Amino acid sequence: MPSADHKLNTLGLLCPLPLLFAVRDLASLERGQVLEIIGDDPGLYEDIPAWCERAGHRLLGFAEEEGVIQCWIEKGDEADSGEDRPGDPDADPAPDRA
């Protein structure tokens, strides 16, 4: 499995908390660094891949043993993700309507 630069323990936490903590922790890492998430919420299998795709990060893989799920995410370049977030002051304004 990949070597992690930071580990996040979300055991006992249910959606959306593991994803929210992952977003927070990944924000503190540099591009190319790896976050390892350890949890037991099966929702990780759906939430993490969808978020990585939207946010421009790379999902390196999952492993599971005795109900404990591990996943590894390589931080990408969020600026290149193409995702405009509601309320984002840098997002393009809505087009004028005539």
C-alpha atoms as a PDB file:
ATOM      1  CA  MET A   1       0.000   0.000   0.000  1.00  0.00           C
ATOM      2  CA  PRO A   2       1.094   3.605  -0.550  1.00  0.00           C
ATOM      3  CA  SER A   3       3.120   5.405   2.082  1.00  0.00           C
ATOM      4  CA  ALA A   4       1.031   8.114   3.757  1.00  0.00           C
ATOM      5  CA  ASP A   5       2.193  11.604   4.629  1.00  0.00           C
ATOM      6  CA  HIS A   6      -0.755  11.980   7.010  1.00  0.00           C
ATOM      7  CA  LYS A   7      -3.187   9.507   8.606  1.00  0.00           C
ATOM      8  CA  LEU A   8      -6.795  10.289   9.504  1.00  0.00           C
ATOM      9  CA  ASN A   9      -8.614   7.982  11.934  1.00  0.00           C
ATOM     10  CA  THR A  10     -12.386   8.125  11.408  1.00  0.00           C
ATOM     11  CA  LEU A  11     -13.281   4.868  13.179  1.00  0.00           C
ATOM     12  CA  GLY A  12     -16.756   5.104  14.668  1.00  0.00           C
ATOM     13  CA  LEU A  13     -17.724   8.152  12.598  1.00  0.00           C
ATOM     14  CA  LEU A  14     -20.530   8.048  10.041  1.00  0.00           C
ATOM     15  CA  CYS A  15     -21.180  10.031   6.885  1.00  0.00           C
ATOM     16  CA  PRO A  16     -20.626  12.905   6.366  1.00  0.00           C
ATOM     17  CA  LEU A  17     -17.981  13.260   9.104  1.00  0.00           C
ATOM     18  CA  PRO A  18     -15.242  11.078   7.564  1.00  0.00           C
ATOM     19  CA  LEU A  19     -15.453  13.050   4.319  1.00  0.00           C
ATOM     20  CA  LEU A  20     -15.540  16.419   6.082  1.00  0.00           C
ATOM     21  CA  PHE A  21     -12.456  15.562   8.119  1.00  0.00           C
ATOM     22  CA  ALA A  22     -10.716  14.254   4.983  1.00  0.00           C
ATOM     23  CA  VAL A  23     -11.409  17.545   3.181  1.00  0.00           C
ATOM     24  CA  ARG A  24      -9.983  19.467   6.140  1.00  0.00           C
ATOM     25  CA  ASP A  25      -6.873  17.320   6.496  1.00  0.00           C
ATOM     26  CA  LEU A  26      -6.119  17.158   2.775  1.00  0.00           C
ATOM     27  CA  ALA A  27      -6.239  20.966   2.622  1.00  0.00           C
ATOM     28  CA  SER A  28      -3.184  21.067   4.902  1.00  0.00           C
ATOM     29  CA  LEU A  29      -1.139  18.824   2.606  1.00  0.00           C
ATOM     30  CA  GLU A  30       0.934  19.779  -0.430  1.00  0.00           C
ATOM     31  CA  ARG A  31       0.152  18.619  -3.951  1.00  0.00           C
ATOM     32  CA  GLY A  32       1.387  15.043  -4.409  1.00  0.00           C
ATOM     33  CA  GLN A  33       1.260  14.143  -0.720  1.00  0.00           C
ATOM     34  CA  VAL A  34      -0.866  11.192   0.389  1.00  0.00           C
ATOM     35  CA  LEU A  35      -3.637  11.083   2.975  1.00  0.00           C
ATOM     36  CA  GLU A  36      -4.562   7.711   4.469  1.00  0.00           C
ATOM     37  CA  ILE A  37      -8.084   7.432   5.865  1.00  0.00           C
ATOM     38  CA  ILE A  38      -8.907   4.674   8.322  1.00  0.00           C
ATOM     39  CA  GLY A  39     -12.586   4.127   9.047  1.00  0.00           C
ATOM     40  CA  ASP A  40     -15.448   1.691   9.320  1.00  0.00           C
ATOM     41  CA  ASP A  41     -18.251   3.528   7.501  1.00  0.00           C
ATOM     42  CA  PRO A  42     -19.089   1.644   4.271  1.00  0.00           C
ATOM     43  CA  GLY A  43     -20.134   5.016   2.832  1.00  0.00           C
ATOM     44  CA  LEU A  44     -16.423   5.686   2.270  1.00  0.00           C
ATOM     45  CA  TYR A  45     -16.621   3.442  -0.804  1.00  0.00           C
ATOM     46  CA  GLU A  46     -19.077   5.854  -2.458  1.00  0.00           C
ATOM     47  CA  ASP A  47     -18.172   9.224  -0.948  1.00  0.00           C
ATOM     48  CA  ILE A  48     -14.396   9.210  -1.400  1.00  0.00           C
ATOM     49  CA  PRO A  49     -14.224   8.313  -5.125  1.00  0.00           C
ATOM     50  CA  ALA A  50     -16.949  10.835  -6.022  1.00  0.00           C
ATOM     51  CA  TRP A  51     -15.268  13.604  -4.027  1.00  0.00           C
ATOM     52  CA  CYS A  52     -11.807  12.840  -5.449  1.00  0.00           C
ATOM     53  CA  GLU A  53     -13.144  13.063  -8.990  1.00  0.00           C
ATOM     54  CA  ARG A  54     -14.916  16.384  -8.347  1.00  0.00           C
ATOM     55  CA  ALA A  55     -12.079  17.944  -6.359  1.00  0.00           C
ATOM     56  CA  GLY A  56      -9.167  16.923  -8.581  1.00  0.00           C
ATOM     57  CA  HIS A  57      -7.515  14.415  -6.247  1.00  0.00           C
ATOM     58  CA  ARG A  58      -6.366  10.891  -7.106  1.00  0.00           C
ATOM     59  CA  LEU A  59      -7.787   7.878  -5.271  1.00  0.00           C
ATOM     60  CA  LEU A  60      -4.916   5.407  -4.934  1.00  0.00           C
ATOM     61  CA  GLY A  61      -6.974   2.525  -3.572  1.00  0.00           C
ATOM     62  CA  PHE A  62      -8.917   0.836  -0.824  1.00  0.00           C
ATOM     63  CA  ALA A  63      -8.170  -2.075   1.491  1.00  0.00           C
ATOM     64  CA  GLU A  64     -10.437  -3.677   4.066  1.00  0.00           C
ATOM     65  CA  GLU A  65      -9.737  -6.114   6.859  1.00  0.00           C
ATOM     66  CA  GLU A  66     -12.210  -7.197   9.529  1.00  0.00           C
ATOM     67  CA  GLY A  67     -14.498  -4.241   8.832  1.00  0.00           C
ATOM     68  CA  VAL A  68     -11.725  -1.630   8.962  1.00  0.00           C
ATOM     69  CA  ILE A  69     -11.472   0.290   5.698  1.00  0.00           C
ATOM     70  CA  GLN A  70      -8.314   2.055   4.571  1.00  0.00           C
ATOM     71  CA  CYS A  71      -8.055   4.346   1.582  1.00  0.00           C
ATOM     72  CA  TRP A  72      -5.286   6.483   0.165  1.00  0.00           C
ATOM     73  CA  ILE A  73      -5.735   9.802  -1.612  1.00  0.00           C
ATOM     74  CA  GLU A  74      -3.033  11.729  -3.419  1.00  0.00           C
ATOM     75  CA  LYS A  75      -3.651  15.453  -3.270  1.00  0.00           C
ATOM     76  CA  GLY A  76      -4.100  16.928  -6.705  1.00  0.00           C
ATOM     77  CA  ASP A  77      -4.247  20.450  -7.985  1.00  0.00           C
ATOM     78  CA  GLU A  78      -7.619  21.656  -6.785  1.00  0.00           C
ATOM     79  CA  ALA A  79      -7.378  24.746  -8.980  1.00  0.00           C
ATOM     80  CA  ASP A  80      -7.529  22.475 -12.045  1.00  0.00           C
ATOM     81  CA  SER A  81     -10.585  20.542 -10.868  1.00  0.00           C
ATOM     82  CA  GLY A  82     -12.992  22.811 -12.763  1.00  0.00           C
ATOM     83  CA  GLU A  83     -15.376  22.772  -9.841  1.00  0.00           C
ATOM     84  CA  ASP A  84     -17.148  26.030  -9.039  1.00  0.00           C
ATOM     85  CA  ARG A  85     -18.522  25.960  -5.538  1.00  0.00           C
ATOM     86  CA  PRO A  86     -21.653  27.893  -4.550  1.00  0.00           C
ATOM     87  CA  GLY A  87     -20.643  31.025  -2.708  1.00  0.00           C
ATOM     88  CA  ASP A  88     -17.106  30.882  -4.088  1.00  0.00           C
ATOM     89  CA  PRO A  89     -16.007  34.504  -4.591  1.00  0.00           C
ATOM     90  CA  ASP A  90     -13.722  33.422  -7.450  1.00  0.00           C
ATOM     91  CA  ALA A  91     -16.492  31.637  -9.344  1.00  0.00           C
ATOM     92  CA  ASP A  92     -17.796  33.163 -12.560  1.00  0.00           C
ATOM     93  CA  PRO A  93     -20.859  35.312 -11.946  1.00  0.00           C
ATOM     94  CA  ALA A  94     -24.204  34.244 -13.363  1.00  0.00           C
ATOM     95  CA  PRO A  95     -24.790  35.479 -16.913  1.00  0.00           C
ATOM     96  CA  ASP A  96     -26.907  38.601 -17.346  1.00  0.00           C
ATOM     97  CA  ARG A  97     -30.427  37.897 -18.413  1.00  0.00           C
ATOM     98  CA  ALA A  98     -32.103  40.175 -20.910  1.00  0.00           C
END
